[in-house]
Amino acid sequence: WYPSRVFVGDTFCYFAGMTFAVVAILGHFSKTLLLFFIPQIANFLYSCPQLFKMIPCPRHRMPSLDPKSGKIDMSYCEFTPDELPSLGRLIYKILKVTRMVKVVEHKDGTVKMNNL
């Protein structure tokens, strides 16, 4: 399994977005177009904690190659939950309890969590 066989690239996404926008504007389907943006809005809301610095976000959110399996693995950030602001700790706990992120706790109190 390789992402390029499953997910389309940026060029197709730009083309598809432009096509949706043109069809919606010319066909007066602006309310229907909003349905297509629901996944984008959900992705934005899911990424907000890192975008607004409530949870640490590494500079490069690039996936890494696992040499053992030859597959791509998620990117991770490491931090100490106690050093987060109060809103960040609350968001971290909610994400952990709902299992929306993969969390690995180390003995020294640091946490390794996949990027949002």
PDB file of N, CA and C in Angstrom:
ATOM      1  N   TRP A   1       0.845  -1.174   0.000  1.00  0.00           N
ATOM      2  CA  TRP A   1       0.000   0.000   0.000  1.00  0.00           C
ATOM      3  C   TRP A   1       0.887   1.232   0.000  1.00  0.00           C
ATOM      4  N   TYR A   2       0.696   2.086  -0.956  1.00  0.00           N
ATOM      5  CA  TYR A   2       1.397   3.364  -1.052  1.00  0.00           C
ATOM      6  C   TYR A   2       0.369   4.466  -1.274  1.00  0.00           C
ATOM      7  N   PRO A   3       0.518   5.592  -0.585  1.00  0.00           N
ATOM      8  CA  PRO A   3      -0.498   6.644  -0.683  1.00  0.00           C
ATOM      9  C   PRO A   3      -0.771   7.122  -2.107  1.00  0.00           C
ATOM     10  N   SER A   4       0.246   7.126  -2.960  1.00  0.00           N
ATOM     11  CA  SER A   4       0.033   7.630  -4.314  1.00  0.00           C
ATOM     12  C   SER A   4      -0.917   6.750  -5.106  1.00  0.00           C
ATOM     13  N   ARG A   5      -1.124   5.542  -4.684  1.00  0.00           N
ATOM     14  CA  ARG A   5      -2.064   4.663  -5.373  1.00  0.00           C
ATOM     15  C   ARG A   5      -3.489   4.866  -4.863  1.00  0.00           C
ATOM     16  N   VAL A   6      -3.623   5.508  -3.708  1.00  0.00           N
ATOM     17  CA  VAL A   6      -4.933   5.677  -3.096  1.00  0.00           C
ATOM     18  C   VAL A   6      -5.389   7.128  -3.141  1.00  0.00           C
ATOM     19  N   PHE A   7      -4.513   8.063  -2.772  1.00  0.00           N
ATOM     20  CA  PHE A   7      -4.880   9.467  -2.656  1.00  0.00           C
ATOM     21  C   PHE A   7      -4.420  10.244  -3.886  1.00  0.00           C
ATOM     22  N   VAL A   8      -5.258  11.160  -4.310  1.00  0.00           N
ATOM     23  CA  VAL A   8      -4.886  12.002  -5.439  1.00  0.00           C
ATOM     24  C   VAL A   8      -3.959  13.106  -4.950  1.00  0.00           C
ATOM     25  N   GLY A   9      -3.247  13.730  -5.865  1.00  0.00           N
ATOM     26  CA  GLY A   9      -2.305  14.773  -5.506  1.00  0.00           C
ATOM     27  C   GLY A   9      -2.936  16.154  -5.489  1.00  0.00           C
ATOM     28  N   ASP A  10      -2.087  17.149  -5.234  1.00  0.00           N
ATOM     29  CA  ASP A  10      -2.541  18.537  -5.157  1.00  0.00           C
ATOM     30  C   ASP A  10      -3.138  19.022  -6.464  1.00  0.00           C
ATOM     31  N   THR A  11      -2.538  18.640  -7.582  1.00  0.00           N
ATOM     32  CA  THR A  11      -3.003  19.143  -8.871  1.00  0.00           C
ATOM     33  C   THR A  11      -4.451  18.737  -9.118  1.00  0.00           C
ATOM     34  N   PHE A  12      -4.782  17.488  -8.839  1.00  0.00           N
ATOM     35  CA  PHE A  12      -6.175  17.059  -9.034  1.00  0.00           C
ATOM     36  C   PHE A  12      -7.098  17.742  -8.040  1.00  0.00           C
ATOM     37  N   CYS A  13      -6.645  17.934  -6.809  1.00  0.00           N
ATOM     38  CA  CYS A  13      -7.489  18.583  -5.806  1.00  0.00           C
ATOM     39  C   CYS A  13      -7.818  20.011  -6.210  1.00  0.00           C
ATOM     40  N   TYR A  14      -6.822  20.737  -6.734  1.00  0.00           N
ATOM     41  CA  TYR A  14      -7.079  22.100  -7.209  1.00  0.00           C
ATOM     42  C   TYR A  14      -8.076  22.087  -8.364  1.00  0.00           C
ATOM     43  N   PHE A  15      -7.882  21.164  -9.293  1.00  0.00           N
ATOM     44  CA  PHE A  15      -8.780  21.054 -10.443  1.00  0.00           C
ATOM     45  C   PHE A  15     -10.196  20.705  -9.996  1.00  0.00           C
ATOM     46  N   ALA A  16     -10.335  19.750  -9.101  1.00  0.00           N
ATOM     47  CA  ALA A  16     -11.656  19.333  -8.631  1.00  0.00           C
ATOM     48  C   ALA A  16     -12.344  20.468  -7.874  1.00  0.00           C
ATOM     49  N   GLY A  17     -11.596  21.182  -7.039  1.00  0.00           N
ATOM     50  CA  GLY A  17     -12.174  22.312  -6.308  1.00  0.00           C
ATOM     51  C   GLY A  17     -12.648  23.401  -7.248  1.00  0.00           C
ATOM     52  N   MET A  18     -11.844  23.689  -8.253  1.00  0.00           N
ATOM     53  CA  MET A  18     -12.217  24.701  -9.236  1.00  0.00           C
ATOM     54  C   MET A  18     -13.472  24.259  -9.991  1.00  0.00           C
ATOM     55  N   THR A  19     -13.531  22.980 -10.355  1.00  0.00           N
ATOM     56  CA  THR A  19     -14.690  22.465 -11.082  1.00  0.00           C
ATOM     57  C   THR A  19     -15.949  22.575 -10.227  1.00  0.00           C
ATOM     58  N   PHE A  20     -15.866  22.172  -8.965  1.00  0.00           N
ATOM     59  CA  PHE A  20     -17.025  22.301  -8.068  1.00  0.00           C
ATOM     60  C   PHE A  20     -17.475  23.752  -7.959  1.00  0.00           C
ATOM     61  N   ALA A  21     -16.520  24.656  -7.802  1.00  0.00           N
ATOM     62  CA  ALA A  21     -16.856  26.075  -7.650  1.00  0.00           C
ATOM     63  C   ALA A  21     -17.527  26.617  -8.897  1.00  0.00           C
ATOM     64  N   VAL A  22     -16.989  26.308 -10.071  1.00  0.00           N
ATOM     65  CA  VAL A  22     -17.561  26.812 -11.326  1.00  0.00           C
ATOM     66  C   VAL A  22     -18.968  26.257 -11.531  1.00  0.00           C
ATOM     67  N   VAL A  23     -19.153  24.977 -11.315  1.00  0.00           N
ATOM     68  CA  VAL A  23     -20.472  24.373 -11.499  1.00  0.00           C
ATOM     69  C   VAL A  23     -21.468  24.969 -10.505  1.00  0.00           C
ATOM     70  N   ALA A  24     -21.039  25.166  -9.272  1.00  0.00           N
ATOM     71  CA  ALA A  24     -21.940  25.717  -8.257  1.00  0.00           C
ATOM     72  C   ALA A  24     -22.323  27.160  -8.578  1.00  0.00           C
ATOM     73  N   ILE A  25     -21.363  27.954  -9.028  1.00  0.00           N
ATOM     74  CA  ILE A  25     -21.650  29.357  -9.330  1.00  0.00           C
ATOM     75  C   ILE A  25     -22.520  29.480 -10.566  1.00  0.00           C
ATOM     76  N   LEU A  26     -22.143  28.793 -11.632  1.00  0.00           N
ATOM     77  CA  LEU A  26     -22.918  28.896 -12.875  1.00  0.00           C
ATOM     78  C   LEU A  26     -24.278  28.219 -12.765  1.00  0.00           C
ATOM     79  N   GLY A  27     -24.379  27.171 -11.990  1.00  0.00           N
ATOM     80  CA  GLY A  27     -25.639  26.448 -11.853  1.00  0.00           C
ATOM     81  C   GLY A  27     -26.479  26.902 -10.682  1.00  0.00           C
ATOM     82  N   HIS A  28     -26.006  27.922  -9.945  1.00  0.00           N
ATOM     83  CA  HIS A  28     -26.728  28.446  -8.777  1.00  0.00           C
ATOM     84  C   HIS A  28     -26.971  27.351  -7.731  1.00  0.00           C
ATOM     85  N   PHE A  29     -25.935  26.549  -7.476  1.00  0.00           N
ATOM     86  CA  PHE A  29     -26.009  25.485  -6.481  1.00  0.00           C
ATOM     87  C   PHE A  29     -25.146  25.818  -5.265  1.00  0.00           C
ATOM     88  N   SER A  30     -25.157  27.048  -4.832  1.00  0.00           N
ATOM     89  CA  SER A  30     -24.239  27.451  -3.763  1.00  0.00           C
ATOM     90  C   SER A  30     -24.500  26.690  -2.465  1.00  0.00           C
ATOM     91  N   LYS A  31     -25.753  26.377  -2.176  1.00  0.00           N
ATOM     92  CA  LYS A  31     -26.053  25.630  -0.947  1.00  0.00           C
ATOM     93  C   LYS A  31     -25.581  24.184  -1.058  1.00  0.00           C
ATOM     94  N   THR A  32     -25.684  23.613  -2.233  1.00  0.00           N
ATOM     95  CA  THR A  32     -25.208  22.252  -2.447  1.00  0.00           C
ATOM     96  C   THR A  32     -23.693  22.181  -2.341  1.00  0.00           C
ATOM     97  N   LEU A  33     -23.014  23.237  -2.786  1.00  0.00           N
ATOM     98  CA  LEU A  33     -21.554  23.275  -2.714  1.00  0.00           C
ATOM     99  C   LEU A  33     -21.072  23.199  -1.269  1.00  0.00           C
ATOM    100  N   LEU A  34     -21.845  23.767  -0.353  1.00  0.00           N
ATOM    101  CA  LEU A  34     -21.460  23.714   1.053  1.00  0.00           C
ATOM    102  C   LEU A  34     -21.345  22.277   1.554  1.00  0.00           C
ATOM    103  N   LEU A  35     -22.135  21.370   0.993  1.00  0.00           N
ATOM    104  CA  LEU A  35     -22.042  19.958   1.379  1.00  0.00           C
ATOM    105  C   LEU A  35     -20.672  19.377   1.040  1.00  0.00           C
ATOM    106  N   PHE A  36     -20.083  19.848  -0.073  1.00  0.00           N
ATOM    107  CA  PHE A  36     -18.770  19.356  -0.456  1.00  0.00           C
ATOM    108  C   PHE A  36     -17.667  19.885   0.461  1.00  0.00           C
ATOM    109  N   PHE A  37     -17.946  20.992   1.140  1.00  0.00           N
ATOM    110  CA  PHE A  37     -16.942  21.582   2.010  1.00  0.00           C
ATOM    111  C   PHE A  37     -16.994  21.052   3.442  1.00  0.00           C
ATOM    112  N   ILE A  38     -17.969  20.236   3.765  1.00  0.00           N
ATOM    113  CA  ILE A  38     -18.068  19.695   5.126  1.00  0.00           C
ATOM    114  C   ILE A  38     -16.811  18.916   5.527  1.00  0.00           C
ATOM    115  N   PRO A  39     -16.234  18.049   4.669  1.00  0.00           N
ATOM    116  CA  PRO A  39     -14.983  17.372   5.068  1.00  0.00           C
ATOM    117  C   PRO A  39     -13.836  18.363   5.298  1.00  0.00           C
ATOM    118  N   GLN A  40     -13.770  19.425   4.503  1.00  0.00           N
ATOM    119  CA  GLN A  40     -12.721  20.424   4.688  1.00  0.00           C
ATOM    120  C   GLN A  40     -12.890  21.160   6.016  1.00  0.00           C
ATOM    121  N   ILE A  41     -14.123  21.484   6.350  1.00  0.00           N
ATOM    122  CA  ILE A  41     -14.395  22.166   7.615  1.00  0.00           C
ATOM    123  C   ILE A  41     -14.070  21.241   8.780  1.00  0.00           C
ATOM    124  N   ALA A  42     -14.442  19.966   8.671  1.00  0.00           N
ATOM    125  CA  ALA A  42     -14.121  19.008   9.736  1.00  0.00           C
ATOM    126  C   ALA A  42     -12.609  18.866   9.901  1.00  0.00           C
ATOM    127  N   ASN A  43     -11.869  18.831   8.797  1.00  0.00           N
ATOM    128  CA  ASN A  43     -10.414  18.743   8.865  1.00  0.00           C
ATOM    129  C   ASN A  43      -9.823  19.983   9.524  1.00  0.00           C
ATOM    130  N   PHE A  44     -10.354  21.152   9.205  1.00  0.00           N
ATOM    131  CA  PHE A  44      -9.878  22.382   9.827  1.00  0.00           C
ATOM    132  C   PHE A  44     -10.120  22.355  11.328  1.00  0.00           C
ATOM    133  N   LEU A  45     -11.324  21.967  11.745  1.00  0.00           N
ATOM    134  CA  LEU A  45     -11.637  21.922  13.181  1.00  0.00           C
ATOM    135  C   LEU A  45     -10.750  20.912  13.908  1.00  0.00           C
ATOM    136  N   TYR A  46     -10.469  19.782  13.258  1.00  0.00           N
ATOM    137  CA  TYR A  46      -9.603  18.757  13.847  1.00  0.00           C
ATOM    138  C   TYR A  46      -8.171  19.265  13.988  1.00  0.00           C
ATOM    139  N   SER A  47      -7.717  20.103  13.043  1.00  0.00           N
ATOM    140  CA  SER A  47      -6.343  20.610  13.054  1.00  0.00           C
ATOM    141  C   SER A  47      -6.170  21.878  13.879  1.00  0.00           C
ATOM    142  N   CYS A  48      -7.249  22.493  14.314  1.00  0.00           N
ATOM    143  CA  CYS A  48      -7.172  23.769  15.055  1.00  0.00           C
ATOM    144  C   CYS A  48      -6.237  23.739  16.263  1.00  0.00           C
ATOM    145  N   PRO A  49      -6.245  22.686  17.099  1.00  0.00           N
ATOM    146  CA  PRO A  49      -5.347  22.718  18.257  1.00  0.00           C
ATOM    147  C   PRO A  49      -3.877  22.916  17.886  1.00  0.00           C
ATOM    148  N   GLN A  50      -3.422  22.309  16.800  1.00  0.00           N
ATOM    149  CA  GLN A  50      -2.035  22.520  16.391  1.00  0.00           C
ATOM    150  C   GLN A  50      -1.866  23.814  15.614  1.00  0.00           C
ATOM    151  N   LEU A  51      -2.855  24.189  14.828  1.00  0.00           N
ATOM    152  CA  LEU A  51      -2.739  25.422  14.053  1.00  0.00           C
ATOM    153  C   LEU A  51      -2.667  26.644  14.957  1.00  0.00           C
ATOM    154  N   PHE A  52      -3.391  26.624  16.067  1.00  0.00           N
ATOM    155  CA  PHE A  52      -3.420  27.755  16.977  1.00  0.00           C
ATOM    156  C   PHE A  52      -2.533  27.556  18.202  1.00  0.00           C
ATOM    157  N   LYS A  53      -1.554  26.635  18.093  1.00  0.00           N
ATOM    158  CA  LYS A  53      -0.499  26.429  19.089  1.00  0.00           C
ATOM    159  C   LYS A  53      -1.014  26.014  20.468  1.00  0.00           C
ATOM    160  N   MET A  54      -2.145  25.304  20.518  1.00  0.00           N
ATOM    161  CA  MET A  54      -2.619  24.767  21.791  1.00  0.00           C
ATOM    162  C   MET A  54      -1.899  23.469  22.116  1.00  0.00           C
ATOM    163  N   ILE A  55      -1.496  22.746  21.070  1.00  0.00           N
ATOM    164  CA  ILE A  55      -0.721  21.514  21.179  1.00  0.00           C
ATOM    165  C   ILE A  55       0.480  21.690  20.257  1.00  0.00           C
ATOM    166  N   PRO A  56       1.662  21.246  20.675  1.00  0.00           N
ATOM    167  CA  PRO A  56       2.849  21.444  19.834  1.00  0.00           C
ATOM    168  C   PRO A  56       2.690  20.835  18.442  1.00  0.00           C
ATOM    169  N   CYS A  57       3.239  21.524  17.484  1.00  0.00           N
ATOM    170  CA  CYS A  57       3.212  21.065  16.107  1.00  0.00           C
ATOM    171  C   CYS A  57       4.628  21.163  15.565  1.00  0.00           C
ATOM    172  N   PRO A  58       5.220  20.049  15.157  1.00  0.00           N
ATOM    173  CA  PRO A  58       6.567  20.135  14.600  1.00  0.00           C
ATOM    174  C   PRO A  58       6.576  20.944  13.308  1.00  0.00           C
ATOM    175  N   ARG A  59       7.737  21.401  12.954  1.00  0.00           N
ATOM    176  CA  ARG A  59       7.860  22.255  11.777  1.00  0.00           C
ATOM    177  C   ARG A  59       7.413  21.524  10.511  1.00  0.00           C
ATOM    178  N   HIS A  60       7.794  20.291  10.390  1.00  0.00           N
ATOM    179  CA  HIS A  60       7.436  19.510   9.208  1.00  0.00           C
ATOM    180  C   HIS A  60       6.485  18.400   9.625  1.00  0.00           C
ATOM    181  N   ARG A  61       5.287  18.431   9.114  1.00  0.00           N
ATOM    182  CA  ARG A  61       4.290  17.414   9.440  1.00  0.00           C
ATOM    183  C   ARG A  61       4.295  16.337   8.368  1.00  0.00           C
ATOM    184  N   MET A  62       5.475  15.924   7.973  1.00  0.00           N
ATOM    185  CA  MET A  62       5.615  14.941   6.908  1.00  0.00           C
ATOM    186  C   MET A  62       5.632  13.526   7.489  1.00  0.00           C
ATOM    187  N   PRO A  63       4.979  12.584   6.835  1.00  0.00           N
ATOM    188  CA  PRO A  63       5.059  11.196   7.283  1.00  0.00           C
ATOM    189  C   PRO A  63       6.463  10.647   7.052  1.00  0.00           C
ATOM    190  N   SER A  64       6.782   9.587   7.770  1.00  0.00           N
ATOM    191  CA  SER A  64       8.110   8.977   7.640  1.00  0.00           C
ATOM    192  C   SER A  64       7.970   7.561   7.079  1.00  0.00           C
ATOM    193  N   LEU A  65       9.033   7.107   6.466  1.00  0.00           N
ATOM    194  CA  LEU A  65       9.051   5.763   5.891  1.00  0.00           C
ATOM    195  C   LEU A  65       9.531   4.774   6.942  1.00  0.00           C
ATOM    196  N   ASP A  66       8.756   3.720   7.152  1.00  0.00           N
ATOM    197  CA  ASP A  66       9.137   2.656   8.071  1.00  0.00           C
ATOM    198  C   ASP A  66       9.993   1.665   7.286  1.00  0.00           C
ATOM    199  N   PRO A  67      11.310   1.586   7.600  1.00  0.00           N
ATOM    200  CA  PRO A  67      12.186   0.719   6.801  1.00  0.00           C
ATOM    201  C   PRO A  67      11.858  -0.772   6.920  1.00  0.00           C
ATOM    202  N   LYS A  68      11.268  -1.182   8.047  1.00  0.00           N
ATOM    203  CA  LYS A  68      10.955  -2.603   8.222  1.00  0.00           C
ATOM    204  C   LYS A  68       9.851  -3.068   7.280  1.00  0.00           C
ATOM    205  N   SER A  69       8.783  -2.268   7.218  1.00  0.00           N
ATOM    206  CA  SER A  69       7.643  -2.669   6.391  1.00  0.00           C
ATOM    207  C   SER A  69       7.675  -2.050   5.003  1.00  0.00           C
ATOM    208  N   GLY A  70       8.463  -0.974   4.840  1.00  0.00           N
ATOM    209  CA  GLY A  70       8.507  -0.289   3.559  1.00  0.00           C
ATOM    210  C   GLY A  70       7.282   0.570   3.314  1.00  0.00           C
ATOM    211  N   LYS A  71       6.533   0.856   4.373  1.00  0.00           N
ATOM    212  CA  LYS A  71       5.316   1.658   4.257  1.00  0.00           C
ATOM    213  C   LYS A  71       5.500   2.992   4.969  1.00  0.00           C
ATOM    214  N   ILE A  72       4.633   3.909   4.659  1.00  0.00           N
ATOM    215  CA  ILE A  72       4.702   5.233   5.266  1.00  0.00           C
ATOM    216  C   ILE A  72       3.991   5.204   6.611  1.00  0.00           C
ATOM    217  N   ASP A  73       4.597   5.852   7.602  1.00  0.00           N
ATOM    218  CA  ASP A  73       4.058   5.927   8.952  1.00  0.00           C
ATOM    219  C   ASP A  73       3.679   7.369   9.260  1.00  0.00           C
ATOM    220  N   MET A  74       2.802   7.555  10.225  1.00  0.00           N
ATOM    221  CA  MET A  74       2.380   8.899  10.617  1.00  0.00           C
ATOM    222  C   MET A  74       3.554   9.698  11.174  1.00  0.00           C
ATOM    223  N   SER A  75       3.444  11.017  11.119  1.00  0.00           N
ATOM    224  CA  SER A  75       4.423  11.860  11.789  1.00  0.00           C
ATOM    225  C   SER A  75       3.945  12.095  13.224  1.00  0.00           C
ATOM    226  N   TYR A  76       4.886  12.301  14.117  1.00  0.00           N
ATOM    227  CA  TYR A  76       4.581  12.439  15.532  1.00  0.00           C
ATOM    228  C   TYR A  76       5.180  13.713  16.097  1.00  0.00           C
ATOM    229  N   CYS A  77       4.604  14.170  17.194  1.00  0.00           N
ATOM    230  CA  CYS A  77       5.206  15.258  17.966  1.00  0.00           C
ATOM    231  C   CYS A  77       5.372  14.743  19.391  1.00  0.00           C
ATOM    232  N   GLU A  78       6.418  15.202  20.047  1.00  0.00           N
ATOM    233  CA  GLU A  78       6.682  14.800  21.423  1.00  0.00           C
ATOM    234  C   GLU A  78       6.616  16.021  22.320  1.00  0.00           C
ATOM    235  N   PHE A  79       5.950  15.873  23.465  1.00  0.00           N
ATOM    236  CA  PHE A  79       5.805  16.977  24.404  1.00  0.00           C
ATOM    237  C   PHE A  79       5.459  16.437  25.783  1.00  0.00           C
ATOM    238  N   THR A  80       5.484  17.324  26.764  1.00  0.00           N
ATOM    239  CA  THR A  80       5.079  16.998  28.128  1.00  0.00           C
ATOM    240  C   THR A  80       3.711  17.622  28.367  1.00  0.00           C
ATOM    241  N   PRO A  81       2.694  16.842  28.682  1.00  0.00           N
ATOM    242  CA  PRO A  81       1.351  17.400  28.857  1.00  0.00           C
ATOM    243  C   PRO A  81       1.279  18.489  29.931  1.00  0.00           C
ATOM    244  N   ASP A  82       2.118  18.395  30.965  1.00  0.00           N
ATOM    245  CA  ASP A  82       2.077  19.391  32.031  1.00  0.00           C
ATOM    246  C   ASP A  82       2.512  20.771  31.557  1.00  0.00           C
ATOM    247  N   GLU A  83       3.289  20.841  30.471  1.00  0.00           N
ATOM    248  CA  GLU A  83       3.766  22.127  29.962  1.00  0.00           C
ATOM    249  C   GLU A  83       2.760  22.801  29.029  1.00  0.00           C
ATOM    250  N   LEU A  84       1.671  22.106  28.707  1.00  0.00           N
ATOM    251  CA  LEU A  84       0.655  22.686  27.830  1.00  0.00           C
ATOM    252  C   LEU A  84      -0.176  23.710  28.586  1.00  0.00           C
ATOM    253  N   PRO A  85      -0.718  24.712  27.879  1.00  0.00           N
ATOM    254  CA  PRO A  85      -1.670  25.610  28.531  1.00  0.00           C
ATOM    255  C   PRO A  85      -2.923  24.833  28.925  1.00  0.00           C
ATOM    256  N   SER A  86      -3.745  25.396  29.793  1.00  0.00           N
ATOM    257  CA  SER A  86      -4.905  24.666  30.315  1.00  0.00           C
ATOM    258  C   SER A  86      -5.843  24.210  29.193  1.00  0.00           C
ATOM    259  N   LEU A  87      -6.076  25.045  28.193  1.00  0.00           N
ATOM    260  CA  LEU A  87      -6.925  24.644  27.077  1.00  0.00           C
ATOM    261  C   LEU A  87      -6.268  23.521  26.284  1.00  0.00           C
ATOM    262  N   GLY A  88      -4.954  23.569  26.123  1.00  0.00           N
ATOM    263  CA  GLY A  88      -4.227  22.512  25.437  1.00  0.00           C
ATOM    264  C   GLY A  88      -4.317  21.182  26.164  1.00  0.00           C
ATOM    265  N   ARG A  89      -4.215  21.221  27.496  1.00  0.00           N
ATOM    266  CA  ARG A  89      -4.347  19.982  28.284  1.00  0.00           C
ATOM    267  C   ARG A  89      -5.744  19.392  28.130  1.00  0.00           C
ATOM    268  N   LEU A  90      -6.762  20.259  28.136  1.00  0.00           N
ATOM    269  CA  LEU A  90      -8.135  19.786  27.979  1.00  0.00           C
ATOM    270  C   LEU A  90      -8.319  19.139  26.607  1.00  0.00           C
ATOM    271  N   ILE A  91      -7.829  19.789  25.571  1.00  0.00           N
ATOM    272  CA  ILE A  91      -7.951  19.236  24.221  1.00  0.00           C
ATOM    273  C   ILE A  91      -7.179  17.925  24.106  1.00  0.00           C
ATOM    274  N   TYR A  92      -5.986  17.881  24.694  1.00  0.00           N
ATOM    275  CA  TYR A  92      -5.183  16.649  24.673  1.00  0.00           C
ATOM    276  C   TYR A  92      -5.952  15.505  25.335  1.00  0.00           C
ATOM    277  N   LYS A  93      -6.558  15.768  26.487  1.00  0.00           N
ATOM    278  CA  LYS A  93      -7.300  14.719  27.190  1.00  0.00           C
ATOM    279  C   LYS A  93      -8.509  14.253  26.385  1.00  0.00           C
ATOM    280  N   ILE A  94      -9.209  15.188  25.756  1.00  0.00           N
ATOM    281  CA  ILE A  94     -10.375  14.822  24.948  1.00  0.00           C
ATOM    282  C   ILE A  94      -9.949  13.965  23.754  1.00  0.00           C
ATOM    283  N   LEU A  95      -8.885  14.377  23.073  1.00  0.00           N
ATOM    284  CA  LEU A  95      -8.402  13.607  21.928  1.00  0.00           C
ATOM    285  C   LEU A  95      -7.928  12.221  22.350  1.00  0.00           C
ATOM    286  N   LYS A  96      -7.308  12.139  23.513  1.00  0.00           N
ATOM    287  CA  LYS A  96      -6.800  10.852  24.006  1.00  0.00           C
ATOM    288  C   LYS A  96      -7.953   9.921  24.404  1.00  0.00           C
ATOM    289  N   VAL A  97      -8.925  10.448  25.134  1.00  0.00           N
ATOM    290  CA  VAL A  97     -10.045   9.632  25.598  1.00  0.00           C
ATOM    291  C   VAL A  97     -10.890   9.148  24.426  1.00  0.00           C
ATOM    292  N   THR A  98     -11.111  10.007  23.444  1.00  0.00           N
ATOM    293  CA  THR A  98     -11.928   9.624  22.290  1.00  0.00           C
ATOM    294  C   THR A  98     -11.141   8.822  21.255  1.00  0.00           C
ATOM    295  N   ARG A  99      -9.848   8.636  21.493  1.00  0.00           N
ATOM    296  CA  ARG A  99      -8.953   7.880  20.608  1.00  0.00           C
ATOM    297  C   ARG A  99      -8.890   8.460  19.195  1.00  0.00           C
ATOM    298  N   MET A 100      -8.925   9.780  19.128  1.00  0.00           N
ATOM    299  CA  MET A 100      -8.803  10.453  17.837  1.00  0.00           C
ATOM    300  C   MET A 100      -7.343  10.615  17.429  1.00  0.00           C
ATOM    301  N   VAL A 101      -6.434  10.366  18.376  1.00  0.00           N
ATOM    302  CA  VAL A 101      -5.000  10.417  18.109  1.00  0.00           C
ATOM    303  C   VAL A 101      -4.351   9.178  18.715  1.00  0.00           C
ATOM    304  N   LYS A 102      -3.196   8.822  18.179  1.00  0.00           N
ATOM    305  CA  LYS A 102      -2.423   7.726  18.747  1.00  0.00           C
ATOM    306  C   LYS A 102      -1.457   8.329  19.758  1.00  0.00           C
ATOM    307  N   VAL A 103      -1.533   7.886  21.001  1.00  0.00           N
ATOM    308  CA  VAL A 103      -0.720   8.439  22.075  1.00  0.00           C
ATOM    309  C   VAL A 103       0.152   7.335  22.666  1.00  0.00           C
ATOM    310  N   VAL A 104       1.454   7.621  22.789  1.00  0.00           N
ATOM    311  CA  VAL A 104       2.386   6.718  23.452  1.00  0.00           C
ATOM    312  C   VAL A 104       2.999   7.486  24.614  1.00  0.00           C
ATOM    313  N   GLU A 105       2.752   7.001  25.825  1.00  0.00           N
ATOM    314  CA  GLU A 105       3.275   7.680  27.015  1.00  0.00           C
ATOM    315  C   GLU A 105       4.588   7.034  27.427  1.00  0.00           C
ATOM    316  N   HIS A 106       5.598   7.873  27.696  1.00  0.00           N
ATOM    317  CA  HIS A 106       6.897   7.404  28.143  1.00  0.00           C
ATOM    318  C   HIS A 106       7.001   7.516  29.656  1.00  0.00           C
ATOM    319  N   LYS A 107       7.934   6.788  30.247  1.00  0.00           N
ATOM    320  CA  LYS A 107       8.092   6.766  31.702  1.00  0.00           C
ATOM    321  C   LYS A 107       8.536   8.110  32.263  1.00  0.00           C
ATOM    322  N   ASP A 108       9.247   8.911  31.463  1.00  0.00           N
ATOM    323  CA  ASP A 108       9.731  10.198  31.968  1.00  0.00           C
ATOM    324  C   ASP A 108       8.674  11.297  31.904  1.00  0.00           C
ATOM    325  N   GLY A 109       7.427  10.973  31.536  1.00  0.00           N
ATOM    326  CA  GLY A 109       6.340  11.947  31.515  1.00  0.00           C
ATOM    327  C   GLY A 109       6.095  12.570  30.154  1.00  0.00           C
ATOM    328  N   THR A 110       6.967  12.302  29.202  1.00  0.00           N
ATOM    329  CA  THR A 110       6.728  12.850  27.862  1.00  0.00           C
ATOM    330  C   THR A 110       5.736  11.973  27.102  1.00  0.00           C
ATOM    331  N   VAL A 111       5.140  12.562  26.112  1.00  0.00           N
ATOM    332  CA  VAL A 111       4.116  11.893  25.316  1.00  0.00           C
ATOM    333  C   VAL A 111       4.483  12.001  23.853  1.00  0.00           C
ATOM    334  N   LYS A 112       4.278  10.923  23.127  1.00  0.00           N
ATOM    335  CA  LYS A 112       4.475  10.920  21.670  1.00  0.00           C
ATOM    336  C   LYS A 112       3.091  10.750  21.054  1.00  0.00           C
ATOM    337  N   MET A 113       2.670  11.772  20.297  1.00  0.00           N
ATOM    338  CA  MET A 113       1.320  11.791  19.743  1.00  0.00           C
ATOM    339  C   MET A 113       1.387  12.069  18.249  1.00  0.00           C
ATOM    340  N   ASN A 114       0.551  11.373  17.480  1.00  0.00           N
ATOM    341  CA  ASN A 114       0.552  11.646  16.038  1.00  0.00           C
ATOM    342  C   ASN A 114       0.010  13.044  15.768  1.00  0.00           C
ATOM    343  N   ASN A 115       0.462  13.625  14.674  1.00  0.00           N
ATOM    344  CA  ASN A 115       0.031  14.970  14.319  1.00  0.00           C
ATOM    345  C   ASN A 115      -1.420  14.961  13.894  1.00  0.00           C
ATOM    346  N   LEU A 116      -2.048  16.071  14.105  1.00  0.00           N
ATOM    347  CA  LEU A 116      -3.462  16.217  13.731  1.00  0.00           C
ATOM    348  C   LEU A 116      -3.588  16.539  12.272  1.00  0.00           C
TER     349      LEU A 116
END
